[in-house]
Amino acid sequence: MYTVYIIQSEKTGKYYIGFTSNIEDRLSHHNSGANRSTRGKGPWHMVYNEIFEDKTLAWKREQQIKRYKGGKAFKKLLTFKTGRVA
């Protein structure tokens, strides 16, 4: 199982989009400062996620959401609850 996720910085309000096979470890990784893109901008909290059985589908969905970032589709996506399964 793979999770496509969106996390938000409590410090800056910015979003980060990614995918992983272990969401708990990945969120800890972001909050520990080990990720260059999110270092110094945390703490981070989960605002959205989707679960996929296939890694390729998860990666494609991550790329799709990244193209949405900042637009109406991204804002609409954030209004959904987390835990959608695809």
PDB file of N, CA and C in Angstrom:
ATOM      1  N   MET A   1       0.834  -1.174   0.000  1.00  0.00           N
ATOM      2  CA  MET A   1       0.000   0.000   0.000  1.00  0.00           C
ATOM      3  C   MET A   1       0.890   1.252   0.000  1.00  0.00           C
ATOM      4  N   TYR A   2       0.438   2.242  -0.740  1.00  0.00           N
ATOM      5  CA  TYR A   2       1.169   3.504  -0.861  1.00  0.00           C
ATOM      6  C   TYR A   2       0.221   4.651  -0.550  1.00  0.00           C
ATOM      7  N   THR A   3       0.750   5.663   0.093  1.00  0.00           N
ATOM      8  CA  THR A   3      -0.048   6.822   0.458  1.00  0.00           C
ATOM      9  C   THR A   3       0.481   8.052  -0.261  1.00  0.00           C
ATOM     10  N   VAL A   4      -0.403   8.729  -0.976  1.00  0.00           N
ATOM     11  CA  VAL A   4      -0.108  10.048  -1.523  1.00  0.00           C
ATOM     12  C   VAL A   4      -0.599  11.028  -0.469  1.00  0.00           C
ATOM     13  N   TYR A   5       0.241  11.962  -0.093  1.00  0.00           N
ATOM     14  CA  TYR A   5      -0.113  12.830   1.029  1.00  0.00           C
ATOM     15  C   TYR A   5       0.188  14.290   0.744  1.00  0.00           C
ATOM     16  N   ILE A   6      -0.540  15.127   1.455  1.00  0.00           N
ATOM     17  CA  ILE A   6      -0.255  16.560   1.485  1.00  0.00           C
ATOM     18  C   ILE A   6      -0.101  16.927   2.952  1.00  0.00           C
ATOM     19  N   ILE A   7       1.035  17.533   3.267  1.00  0.00           N
ATOM     20  CA  ILE A   7       1.255  18.020   4.626  1.00  0.00           C
ATOM     21  C   ILE A   7       1.362  19.532   4.559  1.00  0.00           C
ATOM     22  N   GLN A   8       1.072  20.167   5.699  1.00  0.00           N
ATOM     23  CA  GLN A   8       1.133  21.623   5.764  1.00  0.00           C
ATOM     24  C   GLN A   8       2.011  22.036   6.939  1.00  0.00           C
ATOM     25  N   SER A   9       2.809  23.055   6.696  1.00  0.00           N
ATOM     26  CA  SER A   9       3.675  23.598   7.736  1.00  0.00           C
ATOM     27  C   SER A   9       2.859  24.473   8.674  1.00  0.00           C
ATOM     28  N   GLU A  10       2.960  24.200   9.960  1.00  0.00           N
ATOM     29  CA  GLU A  10       2.300  25.055  10.947  1.00  0.00           C
ATOM     30  C   GLU A  10       3.028  26.395  11.058  1.00  0.00           C
ATOM     31  N   LYS A  11       4.280  26.425  10.675  1.00  0.00           N
ATOM     32  CA  LYS A  11       5.095  27.633  10.776  1.00  0.00           C
ATOM     33  C   LYS A  11       4.841  28.596   9.612  1.00  0.00           C
ATOM     34  N   THR A  12       4.800  28.063   8.381  1.00  0.00           N
ATOM     35  CA  THR A  12       4.699  28.921   7.193  1.00  0.00           C
ATOM     36  C   THR A  12       3.363  28.828   6.454  1.00  0.00           C
ATOM     37  N   GLY A  13       2.602  27.762   6.720  1.00  0.00           N
ATOM     38  CA  GLY A  13       1.344  27.550   6.006  1.00  0.00           C
ATOM     39  C   GLY A  13       1.528  26.911   4.632  1.00  0.00           C
ATOM     40  N   LYS A  14       2.784  26.662   4.226  1.00  0.00           N
ATOM     41  CA  LYS A  14       3.077  26.048   2.928  1.00  0.00           C
ATOM     42  C   LYS A  14       2.728  24.563   2.940  1.00  0.00           C
ATOM     43  N   TYR A  15       2.548  24.027   1.732  1.00  0.00           N
ATOM     44  CA  TYR A  15       2.195  22.621   1.557  1.00  0.00           C
ATOM     45  C   TYR A  15       3.347  21.851   0.943  1.00  0.00           C
ATOM     46  N   TYR A  16       3.400  20.550   1.248  1.00  0.00           N
ATOM     47  CA  TYR A  16       4.344  19.627   0.630  1.00  0.00           C
ATOM     48  C   TYR A  16       3.553  18.412   0.191  1.00  0.00           C
ATOM     49  N   ILE A  17       3.805  17.942  -1.026  1.00  0.00           N
ATOM     50  CA  ILE A  17       3.095  16.798  -1.594  1.00  0.00           C
ATOM     51  C   ILE A  17       4.103  15.685  -1.830  1.00  0.00           C
ATOM     52  N   GLY A  18       3.750  14.467  -1.430  1.00  0.00           N
ATOM     53  CA  GLY A  18       4.641  13.333  -1.642  1.00  0.00           C
ATOM     54  C   GLY A  18       3.881  12.029  -1.629  1.00  0.00           C
ATOM     55  N   PHE A  19       4.623  10.926  -1.787  1.00  0.00           N
ATOM     56  CA  PHE A  19       4.019   9.610  -1.617  1.00  0.00           C
ATOM     57  C   PHE A  19       5.020   8.697  -0.939  1.00  0.00           C
ATOM     58  N   THR A  20       4.503   7.695  -0.234  1.00  0.00           N
ATOM     59  CA  THR A  20       5.350   6.823   0.567  1.00  0.00           C
ATOM     60  C   THR A  20       4.634   5.493   0.830  1.00  0.00           C
ATOM     61  N   SER A  21       5.406   4.504   1.241  1.00  0.00           N
ATOM     62  CA  SER A  21       4.819   3.231   1.648  1.00  0.00           C
ATOM     63  C   SER A  21       4.637   3.167   3.163  1.00  0.00           C
ATOM     64  N   ASN A  22       5.168   4.160   3.893  1.00  0.00           N
ATOM     65  CA  ASN A  22       5.023   4.189   5.350  1.00  0.00           C
ATOM     66  C   ASN A  22       4.803   5.639   5.794  1.00  0.00           C
ATOM     67  N   ILE A  23       3.562   6.024   5.904  1.00  0.00           N
ATOM     68  CA  ILE A  23       3.224   7.422   6.171  1.00  0.00           C
ATOM     69  C   ILE A  23       3.691   7.900   7.547  1.00  0.00           C
ATOM     70  N   GLU A  24       3.629   7.041   8.553  1.00  0.00           N
ATOM     71  CA  GLU A  24       4.054   7.460   9.887  1.00  0.00           C
ATOM     72  C   GLU A  24       5.541   7.803   9.903  1.00  0.00           C
ATOM     73  N   ASP A  25       6.354   6.923   9.309  1.00  0.00           N
ATOM     74  CA  ASP A  25       7.799   7.181   9.248  1.00  0.00           C
ATOM     75  C   ASP A  25       8.104   8.417   8.413  1.00  0.00           C
ATOM     76  N   ARG A  26       7.382   8.577   7.322  1.00  0.00           N
ATOM     77  CA  ARG A  26       7.642   9.706   6.425  1.00  0.00           C
ATOM     78  C   ARG A  26       7.322  11.042   7.108  1.00  0.00           C
ATOM     79  N   LEU A  27       6.209  11.093   7.839  1.00  0.00           N
ATOM     80  CA  LEU A  27       5.852  12.318   8.551  1.00  0.00           C
ATOM     81  C   LEU A  27       6.895  12.628   9.632  1.00  0.00           C
ATOM     82  N   SER A  28       7.369  11.599  10.317  1.00  0.00           N
ATOM     83  CA  SER A  28       8.435  11.792  11.311  1.00  0.00           C
ATOM     84  C   SER A  28       9.700  12.313  10.644  1.00  0.00           C
ATOM     85  N   HIS A  29       9.988  11.789   9.463  1.00  0.00           N
ATOM     86  CA  HIS A  29      11.152  12.215   8.687  1.00  0.00           C
ATOM     87  C   HIS A  29      11.059  13.713   8.369  1.00  0.00           C
ATOM     88  N   HIS A  30       9.887  14.147   7.935  1.00  0.00           N
ATOM     89  CA  HIS A  30       9.692  15.570   7.634  1.00  0.00           C
ATOM     90  C   HIS A  30       9.848  16.422   8.896  1.00  0.00           C
ATOM     91  N   ASN A  31       9.266  15.972   9.979  1.00  0.00           N
ATOM     92  CA  ASN A  31       9.295  16.759  11.218  1.00  0.00           C
ATOM     93  C   ASN A  31      10.656  16.749  11.911  1.00  0.00           C
ATOM     94  N   SER A  32      11.501  15.779  11.580  1.00  0.00           N
ATOM     95  CA  SER A  32      12.830  15.712  12.204  1.00  0.00           C
ATOM     96  C   SER A  32      13.836  16.644  11.535  1.00  0.00           C
ATOM     97  N   GLY A  33      13.469  17.180  10.370  1.00  0.00           N
ATOM     98  CA  GLY A  33      14.387  18.043   9.642  1.00  0.00           C
ATOM     99  C   GLY A  33      15.300  17.281   8.700  1.00  0.00           C
ATOM    100  N   ALA A  34      15.041  15.986   8.516  1.00  0.00           N
ATOM    101  CA  ALA A  34      15.895  15.159   7.664  1.00  0.00           C
ATOM    102  C   ALA A  34      15.633  15.374   6.174  1.00  0.00           C
ATOM    103  N   ASN A  35      14.514  15.972   5.830  1.00  0.00           N
ATOM    104  CA  ASN A  35      14.190  16.228   4.428  1.00  0.00           C
ATOM    105  C   ASN A  35      14.594  17.660   4.084  1.00  0.00           C
ATOM    106  N   ARG A  36      15.412  17.812   3.061  1.00  0.00           N
ATOM    107  CA  ARG A  36      15.929  19.132   2.685  1.00  0.00           C
ATOM    108  C   ARG A  36      14.811  20.115   2.331  1.00  0.00           C
ATOM    109  N   SER A  37      13.775  19.624   1.653  1.00  0.00           N
ATOM    110  CA  SER A  37      12.687  20.509   1.214  1.00  0.00           C
ATOM    111  C   SER A  37      11.829  21.040   2.355  1.00  0.00           C
ATOM    112  N   THR A  38      11.756  20.282   3.441  1.00  0.00           N
ATOM    113  CA  THR A  38      10.872  20.682   4.537  1.00  0.00           C
ATOM    114  C   THR A  38      11.628  21.121   5.792  1.00  0.00           C
ATOM    115  N   ARG A  39      12.941  21.022   5.770  1.00  0.00           N
ATOM    116  CA  ARG A  39      13.769  21.366   6.933  1.00  0.00           C
ATOM    117  C   ARG A  39      13.567  22.814   7.366  1.00  0.00           C
ATOM    118  N   GLY A  40      13.379  23.006   8.647  1.00  0.00           N
ATOM    119  CA  GLY A  40      13.267  24.347   9.214  1.00  0.00           C
ATOM    120  C   GLY A  40      11.918  25.012   9.012  1.00  0.00           C
ATOM    121  N   LYS A  41      10.978  24.287   8.432  1.00  0.00           N
ATOM    122  CA  LYS A  41       9.670  24.869   8.154  1.00  0.00           C
ATOM    123  C   LYS A  41       8.558  24.210   8.965  1.00  0.00           C
ATOM    124  N   GLY A  42       8.905  23.233   9.792  1.00  0.00           N
ATOM    125  CA  GLY A  42       7.906  22.471  10.541  1.00  0.00           C
ATOM    126  C   GLY A  42       7.558  23.149  11.842  1.00  0.00           C
ATOM    127  N   PRO A  43       6.690  22.562  12.600  1.00  0.00           N
ATOM    128  CA  PRO A  43       6.176  21.207  12.430  1.00  0.00           C
ATOM    129  C   PRO A  43       5.170  21.095  11.269  1.00  0.00           C
ATOM    130  N   TRP A  44       5.084  19.878  10.749  1.00  0.00           N
ATOM    131  CA  TRP A  44       4.198  19.553   9.627  1.00  0.00           C
ATOM    132  C   TRP A  44       3.063  18.679  10.115  1.00  0.00           C
ATOM    133  N   HIS A  45       1.877  18.870   9.548  1.00  0.00           N
ATOM    134  CA  HIS A  45       0.758  17.993   9.872  1.00  0.00           C
ATOM    135  C   HIS A  45       0.031  17.597   8.590  1.00  0.00           C
ATOM    136  N   MET A  46      -0.559  16.421   8.629  1.00  0.00           N
ATOM    137  CA  MET A  46      -1.260  15.860   7.487  1.00  0.00           C
ATOM    138  C   MET A  46      -2.570  16.609   7.255  1.00  0.00           C
ATOM    139  N   VAL A  47      -2.804  17.018   6.004  1.00  0.00           N
ATOM    140  CA  VAL A  47      -4.067  17.672   5.659  1.00  0.00           C
ATOM    141  C   VAL A  47      -4.861  16.872   4.634  1.00  0.00           C
ATOM    142  N   TYR A  48      -4.199  15.899   3.968  1.00  0.00           N
ATOM    143  CA  TYR A  48      -4.889  15.104   2.952  1.00  0.00           C
ATOM    144  C   TYR A  48      -4.076  13.858   2.645  1.00  0.00           C
ATOM    145  N   ASN A  49      -4.767  12.749   2.370  1.00  0.00           N
ATOM    146  CA  ASN A  49      -4.072  11.567   1.874  1.00  0.00           C
ATOM    147  C   ASN A  49      -5.004  10.678   1.073  1.00  0.00           C
ATOM    148  N   GLU A  50      -4.421   9.929   0.183  1.00  0.00           N
ATOM    149  CA  GLU A  50      -5.109   8.916  -0.611  1.00  0.00           C
ATOM    150  C   GLU A  50      -4.260   7.655  -0.560  1.00  0.00           C
ATOM    151  N   ILE A  51      -4.912   6.509  -0.512  1.00  0.00           N
ATOM    152  CA  ILE A  51      -4.209   5.236  -0.422  1.00  0.00           C
ATOM    153  C   ILE A  51      -4.340   4.492  -1.750  1.00  0.00           C
ATOM    154  N   PHE A  52      -3.208   3.950  -2.208  1.00  0.00           N
ATOM    155  CA  PHE A  52      -3.150   3.202  -3.459  1.00  0.00           C
ATOM    156  C   PHE A  52      -2.501   1.844  -3.221  1.00  0.00           C
ATOM    157  N   GLU A  53      -2.937   0.853  -3.951  1.00  0.00           N
ATOM    158  CA  GLU A  53      -2.321  -0.465  -3.860  1.00  0.00           C
ATOM    159  C   GLU A  53      -1.121  -0.576  -4.787  1.00  0.00           C
ATOM    160  N   ASP A  54      -1.057   0.275  -5.799  1.00  0.00           N
ATOM    161  CA  ASP A  54      -0.036   0.196  -6.825  1.00  0.00           C
ATOM    162  C   ASP A  54       0.898   1.416  -6.746  1.00  0.00           C
ATOM    163  N   LYS A  55       2.206   1.165  -6.721  1.00  0.00           N
ATOM    164  CA  LYS A  55       3.185   2.244  -6.589  1.00  0.00           C
ATOM    165  C   LYS A  55       3.145   3.206  -7.774  1.00  0.00           C
ATOM    166  N   THR A  56       3.001   2.678  -8.974  1.00  0.00           N
ATOM    167  CA  THR A  56       2.971   3.529 -10.164  1.00  0.00           C
ATOM    168  C   THR A  56       1.768   4.461 -10.151  1.00  0.00           C
ATOM    169  N   LEU A  57       0.617   3.944  -9.743  1.00  0.00           N
ATOM    170  CA  LEU A  57      -0.578   4.785  -9.663  1.00  0.00           C
ATOM    171  C   LEU A  57      -0.413   5.877  -8.610  1.00  0.00           C
ATOM    172  N   ALA A  58       0.224   5.528  -7.501  1.00  0.00           N
ATOM    173  CA  ALA A  58       0.470   6.527  -6.447  1.00  0.00           C
ATOM    174  C   ALA A  58       1.393   7.627  -6.968  1.00  0.00           C
ATOM    175  N   TRP A  59       2.459   7.236  -7.668  1.00  0.00           N
ATOM    176  CA  TRP A  59       3.391   8.216  -8.211  1.00  0.00           C
ATOM    177  C   TRP A  59       2.692   9.129  -9.224  1.00  0.00           C
ATOM    178  N   LYS A  60       1.873   8.559 -10.089  1.00  0.00           N
ATOM    179  CA  LYS A  60       1.144   9.362 -11.077  1.00  0.00           C
ATOM    180  C   LYS A  60       0.195  10.341 -10.405  1.00  0.00           C
ATOM    181  N   ARG A  61      -0.466   9.889  -9.332  1.00  0.00           N
ATOM    182  CA  ARG A  61      -1.385  10.775  -8.612  1.00  0.00           C
ATOM    183  C   ARG A  61      -0.616  11.903  -7.928  1.00  0.00           C
ATOM    184  N   GLU A  62       0.543  11.591  -7.363  1.00  0.00           N
ATOM    185  CA  GLU A  62       1.373  12.630  -6.754  1.00  0.00           C
ATOM    186  C   GLU A  62       1.721  13.703  -7.791  1.00  0.00           C
ATOM    187  N   GLN A  63       2.133  13.280  -8.970  1.00  0.00           N
ATOM    188  CA  GLN A  63       2.487  14.220 -10.026  1.00  0.00           C
ATOM    189  C   GLN A  63       1.285  15.070 -10.448  1.00  0.00           C
ATOM    190  N   GLN A  64       0.116  14.444 -10.518  1.00  0.00           N
ATOM    191  CA  GLN A  64      -1.103  15.164 -10.873  1.00  0.00           C
ATOM    192  C   GLN A  64      -1.405  16.244  -9.843  1.00  0.00           C
ATOM    193  N   ILE A  65      -1.336  15.886  -8.571  1.00  0.00           N
ATOM    194  CA  ILE A  65      -1.623  16.850  -7.503  1.00  0.00           C
ATOM    195  C   ILE A  65      -0.597  17.982  -7.522  1.00  0.00           C
ATOM    196  N   LYS A  66       0.656  17.681  -7.794  1.00  0.00           N
ATOM    197  CA  LYS A  66       1.678  18.726  -7.866  1.00  0.00           C
ATOM    198  C   LYS A  66       1.369  19.725  -8.979  1.00  0.00           C
ATOM    199  N   ARG A  67       0.777  19.257 -10.059  1.00  0.00           N
ATOM    200  CA  ARG A  67       0.382  20.174 -11.137  1.00  0.00           C
ATOM    201  C   ARG A  67      -0.782  21.059 -10.702  1.00  0.00           C
ATOM    202  N   TYR A  68      -1.606  20.568  -9.770  1.00  0.00           N
ATOM    203  CA  TYR A  68      -2.731  21.345  -9.243  1.00  0.00           C
ATOM    204  C   TYR A  68      -2.277  22.476  -8.334  1.00  0.00           C
ATOM    205  N   LYS A  69      -1.138  22.321  -7.690  1.00  0.00           N
ATOM    206  CA  LYS A  69      -0.724  23.146  -6.565  1.00  0.00           C
ATOM    207  C   LYS A  69      -0.952  24.637  -6.807  1.00  0.00           C
ATOM    208  N   GLY A  70      -1.666  25.254  -5.892  1.00  0.00           N
ATOM    209  CA  GLY A  70      -1.931  26.682  -5.943  1.00  0.00           C
ATOM    210  C   GLY A  70      -3.182  27.054  -6.712  1.00  0.00           C
ATOM    211  N   GLY A  71      -3.755  26.106  -7.432  1.00  0.00           N
ATOM    212  CA  GLY A  71      -4.930  26.415  -8.241  1.00  0.00           C
ATOM    213  C   GLY A  71      -6.233  25.987  -7.588  1.00  0.00           C
ATOM    214  N   LYS A  72      -7.315  26.178  -8.319  1.00  0.00           N
ATOM    215  CA  LYS A  72      -8.641  25.831  -7.812  1.00  0.00           C
ATOM    216  C   LYS A  72      -8.762  24.343  -7.516  1.00  0.00           C
ATOM    217  N   ALA A  73      -8.183  23.497  -8.381  1.00  0.00           N
ATOM    218  CA  ALA A  73      -8.268  22.050  -8.177  1.00  0.00           C
ATOM    219  C   ALA A  73      -7.579  21.642  -6.871  1.00  0.00           C
ATOM    220  N   PHE A  74      -6.459  22.288  -6.551  1.00  0.00           N
ATOM    221  CA  PHE A  74      -5.739  21.992  -5.312  1.00  0.00           C
ATOM    222  C   PHE A  74      -6.581  22.382  -4.104  1.00  0.00           C
ATOM    223  N   LYS A  75      -7.165  23.562  -4.149  1.00  0.00           N
ATOM    224  CA  LYS A  75      -8.002  24.026  -3.033  1.00  0.00           C
ATOM    225  C   LYS A  75      -9.222  23.130  -2.861  1.00  0.00           C
ATOM    226  N   LYS A  76      -9.803  22.695  -3.960  1.00  0.00           N
ATOM    227  CA  LYS A  76     -10.961  21.802  -3.901  1.00  0.00           C
ATOM    228  C   LYS A  76     -10.561  20.463  -3.283  1.00  0.00           C
ATOM    229  N   LEU A  77      -9.406  19.964  -3.660  1.00  0.00           N
ATOM    230  CA  LEU A  77      -8.908  18.705  -3.126  1.00  0.00           C
ATOM    231  C   LEU A  77      -8.766  18.763  -1.612  1.00  0.00           C
ATOM    232  N   LEU A  78      -8.306  19.883  -1.103  1.00  0.00           N
ATOM    233  CA  LEU A  78      -8.086  20.018   0.337  1.00  0.00           C
ATOM    234  C   LEU A  78      -9.374  20.039   1.136  1.00  0.00           C
ATOM    235  N   THR A  79     -10.525  20.222   0.472  1.00  0.00           N
ATOM    236  CA  THR A  79     -11.788  20.199   1.191  1.00  0.00           C
ATOM    237  C   THR A  79     -12.274  18.784   1.463  1.00  0.00           C
ATOM    238  N   PHE A  80     -11.682  17.777   0.795  1.00  0.00           N
ATOM    239  CA  PHE A  80     -12.058  16.383   1.024  1.00  0.00           C
ATOM    240  C   PHE A  80     -11.423  15.852   2.290  1.00  0.00           C
ATOM    241  N   LYS A  81     -12.032  14.829   2.842  1.00  0.00           N
ATOM    242  CA  LYS A  81     -11.476  14.144   4.022  1.00  0.00           C
ATOM    243  C   LYS A  81     -10.283  13.299   3.605  1.00  0.00           C
ATOM    244  N   THR A  82      -9.446  12.966   4.568  1.00  0.00           N
ATOM    245  CA  THR A  82      -8.290  12.119   4.284  1.00  0.00           C
ATOM    246  C   THR A  82      -8.713  10.657   4.239  1.00  0.00           C
ATOM    247  N   GLY A  83      -7.821   9.838   3.692  1.00  0.00           N
ATOM    248  CA  GLY A  83      -8.026   8.407   3.690  1.00  0.00           C
ATOM    249  C   GLY A  83      -8.757   7.863   2.487  1.00  0.00           C
ATOM    250  N   ARG A  84      -8.835   8.625   1.397  1.00  0.00           N
ATOM    251  CA  ARG A  84      -9.487   8.129   0.186  1.00  0.00           C
ATOM    252  C   ARG A  84      -8.687   6.968  -0.372  1.00  0.00           C
ATOM    253  N   VAL A  85      -9.361   5.923  -0.775  1.00  0.00           N
ATOM    254  CA  VAL A  85      -8.713   4.758  -1.347  1.00  0.00           C
ATOM    255  C   VAL A  85      -8.971   4.734  -2.849  1.00  0.00           C
ATOM    256  N   ALA A  86      -7.912   4.533  -3.627  1.00  0.00           N
ATOM    257  CA  ALA A  86      -8.056   4.458  -5.087  1.00  0.00           C
ATOM    258  C   ALA A  86      -7.402   3.203  -5.609  1.00  0.00           C
TER     259      ALA A  86
END
